[in-house]
Amino acid sequence: MIVNIEFFDEEPIENVITNLNYEVDKTIFFGYENVMKPMEKNTAHFLKTVCGVREVEFYSVDRFDLMEIMKSIANVVRKEQEQGNRVYFDLTGGESLLLVAFGILSQEFSAPMFMFDVESRQLIEFCCSGNSLGGVAKPRPIALNLDQFVSLYGGTINYRQKKLFKEMSLDGAVDVEKMWELSREYGDKWVHYSSILRKYPPDASLMVEVDREKFQSEFRRHQRAGNIKDFHKFMHSCSHLGFVKLYAAGKNGYKFRYKNSAIKQLFWDSGSILEMYTFLLETRKEGVDDCRVGVHIDWDGQIHNDGNKDVLNEIDVMSIQNDIPTFISCKIGSVDQMALYELETVANRFGGKYAKKVLATAQEVSTAHMRRAEEMGIEIRVIK
């Protein structure tokens, strides 16, 4: 049996990264009770169900007593070796006192030490003496999907909140690209046109019919929407692109039919087109293991029948590559400081120190916000 002994770290991915890449039969954690106790159950479940680890054990140690730490670890190592098991010390993560103990005991018990670098995905081995983990354990890289990654951090993805129009088909991808170009052509007017169209729900066949005076009165309330001729031009473009059918503007009023309900929703929710286009770009990146749009994360991992009891955060676009997640917040309008803080909060909670944070925007960001984003480790990505 291959036994991996490691320090229990506050960063969940560092507690499982070795097991995600090598077949290990048993993992034994030593750590501080206040850090380890709240995460024991979730970590053990993850290692057994995702990584196939047969046994997981946890031992609390005193934060300041090196001799007691060494004694606790030595007793466990001795027991495992007496049973004929191969023992390895995993230095991934860890704090100074425990690392000192691992180093001393590695020599005493001839148990090789190693660490796994999360970002480079490399196994780094020390004092192997021909008995390296890489030479004994079978490599078995597991590409985490977003559900698994979020569960590692104690949350779950709530699919009850998923907006169906964000499920993209091949035809949908083509429509998203065309609509994104159209939205950029009309710039700020896109948001106002969206607000105006949302005032007029279609019938069951997705047909919209609006009285001329009523519509023009509503249009005049949106001063930054330009003049009505600009809107006619916009709708004729929509008709040409196939987003609407039968568009007609006459003396009595306006009428048209939406191509489908997904197109209707993209028109109604002005910011969704940026989310969908950003999602499309992210899925096309080489090496991305999983990518979703409109991800609702439940903080405690328990979805209740009473939705008011759930604490949720929506991530506009989320992807994962080589066990490192990317959290993307999309802002089609102006960016404020709160958008940066919201992104940082959820990314830190469900991505930890390795998470990539991106703010995708349709327009340039002020120098002050650019500077603050840089301080927070957030990439500003202007989508053209």
Protein backbone atom coordinates (compact mmCIF):
# COMPACT_ATOMS: atom_id res chain seq x y z
CA MET A 1 0.00 0.00 0.00
CA ILE A 2 1.28 3.48 -0.90
CA VAL A 3 0.75 5.90 1.99
CA ASN A 4 1.01 9.67 1.54
CA ILE A 5 1.63 11.70 4.70
CA GLU A 6 1.10 15.43 4.42
CA PHE A 7 0.36 18.65 6.24
CA PHE A 8 -3.28 19.76 6.09
CA ASP A 9 -3.26 23.15 4.38
CA GLU A 10 -5.88 25.91 4.34
CA GLU A 11 -5.75 25.77 0.52
CA PRO A 12 -7.96 22.77 -0.44
CA ILE A 13 -6.34 22.08 -3.82
CA GLU A 14 -2.95 21.57 -2.13
CA ASN A 15 -4.46 18.84 0.04
CA VAL A 16 -5.53 16.77 -2.96
CA ILE A 17 -3.19 17.68 -5.84
CA THR A 18 -0.91 14.66 -5.41
CA ASN A 19 -3.89 12.31 -5.35
CA LEU A 20 -5.24 13.95 -8.50
CA ASN A 21 -2.08 12.96 -10.35
CA TYR A 22 -0.93 9.67 -8.79
CA GLU A 23 -2.72 6.59 -7.51
CA VAL A 24 -2.22 6.65 -3.75
CA ASP A 25 -3.95 4.09 -1.52
CA LYS A 26 -4.00 6.03 1.73
CA THR A 27 -3.55 9.67 2.71
CA ILE A 28 -2.77 10.72 6.28
CA PHE A 29 -3.02 14.38 7.27
CA PHE A 30 -1.34 16.13 10.18
CA GLY A 31 -2.57 19.62 10.93
CA TYR A 32 -3.96 22.16 13.34
CA GLU A 33 -7.40 21.32 14.66
CA ASN A 34 -8.99 24.72 14.02
CA VAL A 35 -7.99 24.50 10.34
CA MET A 36 -8.53 20.81 9.76
CA LYS A 37 -11.74 20.03 11.65
CA PRO A 38 -14.21 22.09 9.53
CA MET A 39 -12.85 20.58 6.29
CA GLU A 40 -12.21 16.94 7.27
CA LYS A 41 -15.49 15.45 6.08
CA ASN A 42 -15.50 17.25 2.75
CA THR A 43 -11.82 16.48 2.06
CA ALA A 44 -12.21 12.78 2.86
CA HIS A 45 -15.30 12.53 0.66
CA PHE A 46 -13.51 14.22 -2.24
CA LEU A 47 -10.41 12.02 -1.98
CA LYS A 48 -12.48 8.83 -1.92
CA THR A 49 -15.05 9.68 -4.60
CA VAL A 50 -12.96 11.72 -7.05
CA CYS A 51 -9.42 10.40 -6.50
CA GLY A 52 -10.18 6.81 -5.50
CA VAL A 53 -8.18 6.95 -2.25
CA ARG A 54 -9.16 3.96 -0.10
CA GLU A 55 -8.38 5.39 3.36
CA VAL A 56 -8.06 8.92 4.76
CA GLU A 57 -6.95 9.77 8.29
CA PHE A 58 -6.53 13.04 10.20
CA TYR A 59 -4.30 13.78 13.20
CA SER A 60 -4.25 17.07 15.10
CA VAL A 61 -0.90 18.38 16.39
CA ASP A 62 0.25 21.21 18.63
CA ARG A 63 1.17 24.28 16.64
CA PHE A 64 4.28 25.08 18.73
CA ASP A 65 5.60 21.77 20.13
CA LEU A 66 8.11 20.30 17.66
CA MET A 67 8.95 17.27 19.83
CA GLU A 68 5.30 16.37 20.26
CA ILE A 69 4.70 16.81 16.50
CA MET A 70 7.61 14.47 15.72
CA LYS A 71 6.41 11.92 18.24
CA SER A 72 2.86 11.87 16.78
CA ILE A 73 4.11 11.51 13.20
CA ALA A 74 6.73 8.90 14.13
CA ASN A 75 4.13 6.68 15.79
CA VAL A 76 1.96 6.75 12.67
CA VAL A 77 4.87 6.18 10.26
CA ARG A 78 6.20 3.29 12.36
CA LYS A 79 2.79 1.64 12.38
CA GLU A 80 2.41 1.95 8.60
CA GLN A 81 5.90 0.61 7.86
CA GLU A 82 5.39 -2.34 10.24
CA GLN A 83 2.39 -3.24 8.10
CA GLY A 84 4.66 -3.30 5.04
CA ASN A 85 3.35 -0.06 3.55
CA ARG A 86 5.48 2.39 1.55
CA VAL A 87 5.44 5.79 3.23
CA TYR A 88 6.08 9.15 1.56
CA PHE A 89 6.19 12.68 3.00
CA ASP A 90 4.32 15.25 0.92
CA LEU A 91 5.68 18.78 1.43
CA THR A 92 3.03 20.48 -0.74
CA GLY A 93 1.74 23.46 1.25
CA GLY A 94 2.79 23.09 4.84
CA GLU A 95 4.19 25.31 7.58
CA SER A 96 7.71 25.58 8.95
CA LEU A 97 7.44 23.47 12.11
CA LEU A 98 5.74 20.54 10.42
CA LEU A 99 8.13 20.72 7.49
CA VAL A 100 11.05 20.51 9.92
CA ALA A 101 9.46 17.44 11.51
CA PHE A 102 8.88 15.85 8.10
CA GLY A 103 12.51 16.46 7.12
CA ILE A 104 13.93 14.89 10.29
CA LEU A 105 11.61 11.90 10.22
CA SER A 106 12.17 11.34 6.51
CA GLN A 107 15.80 10.57 7.28
CA GLU A 108 14.99 8.47 10.33
CA PHE A 109 12.48 6.25 8.57
CA SER A 110 14.05 6.38 5.07
CA ALA A 111 10.74 7.72 3.79
CA PRO A 112 11.20 9.88 0.66
CA MET A 113 9.94 13.46 0.59
CA PHE A 114 8.30 15.23 -2.34
CA MET A 115 6.06 18.12 -3.22
CA PHE A 116 3.69 18.77 -6.10
CA ASP A 117 3.75 22.19 -7.75
CA VAL A 118 0.13 23.08 -8.52
CA GLU A 119 0.84 25.69 -11.19
CA SER A 120 3.53 23.82 -13.14
CA ARG A 121 1.93 20.41 -12.44
CA GLN A 122 5.35 18.94 -11.66
CA LEU A 123 6.30 16.37 -9.04
CA ILE A 124 9.44 17.55 -7.23
CA GLU A 125 11.17 14.79 -5.25
CA PHE A 126 13.82 14.89 -2.50
CA CYS A 127 15.91 12.19 -0.81
CA CYS A 128 14.44 9.41 -2.89
CA SER A 129 17.23 6.82 -2.59
CA GLY A 130 15.83 4.94 -5.57
CA ASN A 131 12.40 4.75 -3.98
CA SER A 132 10.65 7.75 -5.54
CA LEU A 133 6.88 8.17 -5.53
CA GLY A 134 7.01 8.79 -9.28
CA GLY A 135 8.72 5.43 -9.75
CA VAL A 136 6.26 3.51 -7.59
CA ALA A 137 2.84 5.15 -7.87
CA LYS A 138 1.02 4.94 -11.17
CA PRO A 139 0.52 8.36 -12.83
CA ARG A 140 -3.18 9.01 -13.21
CA PRO A 141 -3.99 12.69 -13.94
CA ILE A 142 -7.62 13.58 -13.18
CA ALA A 143 -8.98 16.62 -14.98
CA LEU A 144 -11.39 18.23 -12.54
CA ASN A 145 -14.67 19.61 -13.83
CA LEU A 146 -16.27 22.65 -12.22
CA ASP A 147 -18.69 20.64 -10.10
CA GLN A 148 -15.82 18.70 -8.54
CA PHE A 149 -13.69 21.79 -7.99
CA VAL A 150 -16.47 23.77 -6.33
CA SER A 151 -17.29 20.78 -4.09
CA LEU A 152 -13.65 20.68 -2.96
CA TYR A 153 -14.13 24.21 -1.59
CA GLY A 154 -17.34 23.26 0.22
CA GLY A 155 -19.87 24.62 -2.27
CA THR A 156 -22.10 23.22 -4.99
CA ILE A 157 -23.43 24.48 -8.31
CA ASN A 158 -27.16 25.18 -8.12
CA TYR A 159 -28.67 24.19 -11.47
CA ARG A 160 -32.15 25.28 -10.40
CA GLN A 161 -31.04 28.86 -11.05
CA LYS A 162 -29.67 28.13 -14.53
CA LYS A 163 -31.20 30.27 -17.27
CA LEU A 164 -32.10 27.90 -20.10
CA PHE A 165 -31.46 30.45 -22.84
CA LYS A 166 -27.76 30.33 -21.90
CA GLU A 167 -27.50 26.70 -23.04
CA MET A 168 -25.73 27.21 -26.37
CA SER A 169 -26.20 25.05 -29.46
CA LEU A 170 -24.02 25.22 -32.58
CA ASP A 171 -26.57 27.49 -34.24
CA GLY A 172 -26.67 29.49 -31.04
CA ALA A 173 -22.92 30.08 -31.22
CA VAL A 174 -23.28 31.57 -34.69
CA ASP A 175 -26.12 33.80 -33.48
CA VAL A 176 -24.07 34.96 -30.49
CA GLU A 177 -21.18 36.03 -32.73
CA LYS A 178 -23.52 37.95 -35.03
CA MET A 179 -25.40 39.56 -32.18
CA TRP A 180 -22.17 40.59 -30.46
CA GLU A 181 -21.04 42.38 -33.63
CA LEU A 182 -24.45 44.07 -33.86
CA SER A 183 -24.31 45.20 -30.24
CA ARG A 184 -20.86 46.73 -30.80
CA GLU A 185 -22.09 48.52 -33.91
CA TYR A 186 -24.76 50.28 -31.86
CA GLY A 187 -22.66 50.76 -28.72
CA ASP A 188 -24.50 52.40 -25.80
CA LYS A 189 -27.77 52.36 -27.75
CA TRP A 190 -27.81 48.56 -27.40
CA VAL A 191 -28.65 48.83 -23.70
CA HIS A 192 -31.49 51.29 -24.35
CA TYR A 193 -32.95 49.25 -27.20
CA SER A 194 -32.91 46.24 -24.90
CA SER A 195 -34.80 48.15 -22.22
CA ILE A 196 -37.40 49.32 -24.75
CA LEU A 197 -37.98 45.87 -26.26
CA ARG A 198 -38.38 44.35 -22.80
CA LYS A 199 -41.48 46.51 -22.32
CA TYR A 200 -43.37 44.51 -24.94
CA PRO A 201 -43.72 40.77 -24.26
CA PRO A 202 -44.58 38.60 -27.27
CA ASP A 203 -47.53 36.23 -27.60
CA ALA A 204 -47.20 32.44 -27.64
CA SER A 205 -45.87 32.52 -31.21
CA LEU A 206 -43.22 35.11 -30.17
CA MET A 207 -45.00 37.80 -32.18
CA VAL A 208 -44.88 41.38 -30.90
CA GLU A 209 -47.44 43.99 -31.99
CA VAL A 210 -47.28 47.51 -30.54
CA ASP A 211 -49.40 50.61 -31.11
CA ARG A 212 -47.40 53.30 -32.91
CA GLU A 213 -48.13 56.15 -30.49
CA LYS A 214 -47.58 53.97 -27.46
CA PHE A 215 -44.24 52.74 -28.75
CA GLN A 216 -42.95 56.16 -29.78
CA SER A 217 -43.95 57.59 -26.40
CA GLU A 218 -41.89 54.92 -24.67
CA PHE A 219 -38.99 55.47 -27.07
CA ARG A 220 -38.87 59.20 -26.29
CA ARG A 221 -38.32 58.39 -22.59
CA HIS A 222 -34.91 56.97 -23.51
CA GLN A 223 -33.07 60.11 -24.53
CA ARG A 224 -29.78 58.31 -25.20
CA ALA A 225 -31.45 55.85 -27.58
CA GLY A 226 -31.09 58.31 -30.45
CA ASN A 227 -33.91 58.91 -32.90
CA ILE A 228 -36.55 56.50 -34.11
CA LYS A 229 -34.85 56.18 -37.50
CA ASP A 230 -31.80 54.65 -35.79
CA PHE A 231 -34.07 52.10 -34.18
CA HIS A 232 -35.68 51.23 -37.53
CA LYS A 233 -32.22 50.69 -38.98
CA PHE A 234 -31.34 48.49 -36.01
CA MET A 235 -34.47 46.34 -36.43
CA HIS A 236 -33.89 45.98 -40.17
CA SER A 237 -30.38 44.72 -39.35
CA CYS A 238 -31.92 42.25 -36.89
CA SER A 239 -34.27 41.08 -39.63
CA HIS A 240 -31.41 40.68 -42.10
CA LEU A 241 -29.45 38.61 -39.55
CA GLY A 242 -32.47 36.43 -38.86
CA PHE A 243 -33.00 37.47 -35.24
CA VAL A 244 -36.51 38.72 -36.00
CA LYS A 245 -38.96 38.01 -38.80
CA LEU A 246 -41.74 40.00 -40.43
CA TYR A 247 -40.55 43.34 -39.11
CA ALA A 248 -42.91 46.08 -40.19
CA ALA A 249 -43.31 49.69 -39.10
CA GLY A 250 -46.53 51.32 -40.33
CA LYS A 251 -49.00 54.04 -39.47
CA ASN A 252 -50.82 51.83 -37.00
CA GLY A 253 -47.80 50.40 -35.21
CA TYR A 254 -44.87 48.00 -35.19
CA LYS A 255 -44.75 44.24 -35.36
CA PHE A 256 -42.18 41.46 -35.61
CA ARG A 257 -41.58 37.91 -34.46
CA TYR A 258 -38.51 36.76 -32.51
CA LYS A 259 -36.55 33.88 -34.07
CA ASN A 260 -36.78 31.88 -30.82
CA SER A 261 -37.07 32.37 -27.07
CA ALA A 262 -33.28 32.37 -26.58
CA ILE A 263 -32.89 35.29 -29.00
CA LYS A 264 -35.72 37.09 -27.22
CA GLN A 265 -33.91 36.73 -23.87
CA LEU A 266 -30.63 37.97 -25.33
CA PHE A 267 -32.44 41.07 -26.58
CA TRP A 268 -34.17 41.62 -23.25
CA ASP A 269 -31.09 41.18 -21.05
CA SER A 270 -28.55 43.55 -22.58
CA GLY A 271 -25.58 42.21 -20.61
CA SER A 272 -26.14 38.57 -21.54
CA ILE A 273 -24.63 38.94 -25.00
CA LEU A 274 -21.28 39.88 -23.45
CA GLU A 275 -21.50 36.88 -21.12
CA MET A 276 -22.34 34.52 -23.99
CA TYR A 277 -19.62 35.89 -26.27
CA THR A 278 -17.03 35.72 -23.47
CA PHE A 279 -18.12 32.14 -22.78
CA LEU A 280 -17.70 31.33 -26.48
CA LEU A 281 -14.17 32.74 -26.49
CA GLU A 282 -13.25 30.85 -23.30
CA THR A 283 -14.49 27.48 -24.63
CA ARG A 284 -12.30 27.88 -27.70
CA LYS A 285 -9.10 28.18 -25.67
CA GLU A 286 -6.80 25.22 -25.99
CA GLY A 287 -6.63 22.98 -22.92
CA VAL A 288 -9.77 24.18 -21.10
CA ASP A 289 -11.23 21.17 -19.26
CA ASP A 290 -14.64 22.65 -18.46
CA CYS A 291 -16.39 25.97 -19.02
CA ARG A 292 -19.85 27.21 -18.00
CA VAL A 293 -21.86 30.40 -18.31
CA GLY A 294 -24.19 31.65 -15.58
CA VAL A 295 -22.80 29.51 -12.73
CA HIS A 296 -24.74 29.84 -9.46
CA ILE A 297 -22.61 28.68 -6.52
CA ASP A 298 -24.31 27.70 -3.27
CA TRP A 299 -21.98 28.61 -0.41
CA ASP A 300 -22.63 25.77 2.04
CA GLY A 301 -23.07 22.98 -0.52
CA GLN A 302 -26.65 22.31 0.59
CA ILE A 303 -29.52 23.24 -1.74
CA HIS A 304 -32.72 23.77 0.26
CA ASN A 305 -36.32 23.43 -0.88
CA ASP A 306 -36.82 26.92 0.48
CA GLY A 307 -34.61 28.93 -1.86
CA ASN A 308 -34.50 31.82 0.62
CA LYS A 309 -32.18 29.75 2.83
CA ASP A 310 -29.53 29.42 0.11
CA VAL A 311 -26.64 31.89 -0.10
CA LEU A 312 -25.73 32.14 -3.79
CA ASN A 313 -23.23 33.94 -5.98
CA GLU A 314 -23.53 33.98 -9.75
CA ILE A 315 -20.35 33.78 -11.80
CA ASP A 316 -20.98 35.05 -15.32
CA VAL A 317 -18.40 32.71 -16.84
CA MET A 318 -16.27 30.11 -15.07
CA SER A 319 -13.70 27.72 -16.52
CA ILE A 320 -11.04 25.33 -15.27
CA GLN A 321 -7.77 24.22 -16.81
CA ASN A 322 -5.21 21.95 -15.13
CA ASP A 323 -7.05 22.25 -11.79
CA ILE A 324 -6.82 26.07 -11.80
CA PRO A 325 -10.14 27.92 -12.14
CA THR A 326 -10.85 31.20 -13.88
CA PHE A 327 -13.67 33.42 -12.58
CA ILE A 328 -14.95 35.94 -15.13
CA SER A 329 -17.32 38.81 -14.32
CA CYS A 330 -18.87 40.52 -17.36
CA LYS A 331 -19.86 44.21 -17.41
CA ILE A 332 -21.31 45.62 -20.61
CA GLY A 333 -21.77 49.06 -19.02
CA SER A 334 -19.46 51.15 -16.88
CA VAL A 335 -17.33 49.39 -14.27
CA ASP A 336 -17.50 50.43 -10.62
CA GLN A 337 -15.43 49.45 -7.59
CA MET A 338 -18.14 47.11 -6.29
CA ALA A 339 -17.77 44.88 -9.35
CA LEU A 340 -14.12 44.33 -8.46
CA TYR A 341 -14.87 43.51 -4.82
CA GLU A 342 -17.66 41.07 -5.73
CA LEU A 343 -15.36 39.21 -8.12
CA GLU A 344 -12.54 39.08 -5.58
CA THR A 345 -14.82 37.79 -2.82
CA VAL A 346 -16.26 34.83 -4.71
CA ALA A 347 -12.98 33.92 -6.46
CA ASN A 348 -11.08 33.88 -3.18
CA ARG A 349 -13.78 31.81 -1.48
CA PHE A 350 -14.15 29.19 -4.21
CA GLY A 351 -10.82 29.38 -6.01
CA GLY A 352 -8.24 30.15 -3.37
CA LYS A 353 -4.81 31.59 -4.05
CA TYR A 354 -4.42 29.93 -7.45
CA ALA A 355 -7.66 31.28 -8.93
CA LYS A 356 -7.50 33.58 -11.94
CA LYS A 357 -9.81 36.60 -11.78
CA VAL A 358 -10.98 38.39 -14.92
CA LEU A 359 -13.28 41.35 -15.45
CA ALA A 360 -14.55 41.28 -19.03
CA THR A 361 -15.93 44.58 -20.25
CA ALA A 362 -17.20 46.06 -23.49
CA GLN A 363 -15.57 49.43 -22.91
CA GLU A 364 -12.38 50.91 -21.57
CA VAL A 365 -11.96 51.13 -17.79
CA SER A 366 -10.87 54.24 -15.90
CA THR A 367 -7.25 54.53 -14.79
CA ALA A 368 -8.28 54.43 -11.12
CA HIS A 369 -10.20 51.19 -11.56
CA MET A 370 -7.40 49.69 -13.64
CA ARG A 371 -4.96 50.44 -10.84
CA ARG A 372 -7.26 48.95 -8.20
CA ALA A 373 -7.84 45.84 -10.29
CA GLU A 374 -4.09 45.34 -10.62
CA GLU A 375 -3.70 45.60 -6.84
CA MET A 376 -6.36 42.91 -6.42
CA GLY A 377 -4.83 40.60 -9.01
CA ILE A 378 -7.74 41.05 -11.41
CA GLU A 379 -7.14 41.05 -15.15
CA ILE A 380 -9.16 43.61 -17.10
CA ARG A 381 -10.13 42.13 -20.43
CA VAL A 382 -11.73 44.53 -22.94
CA ILE A 383 -13.74 42.43 -25.39
CA LYS A 384 -13.78 43.88 -28.88
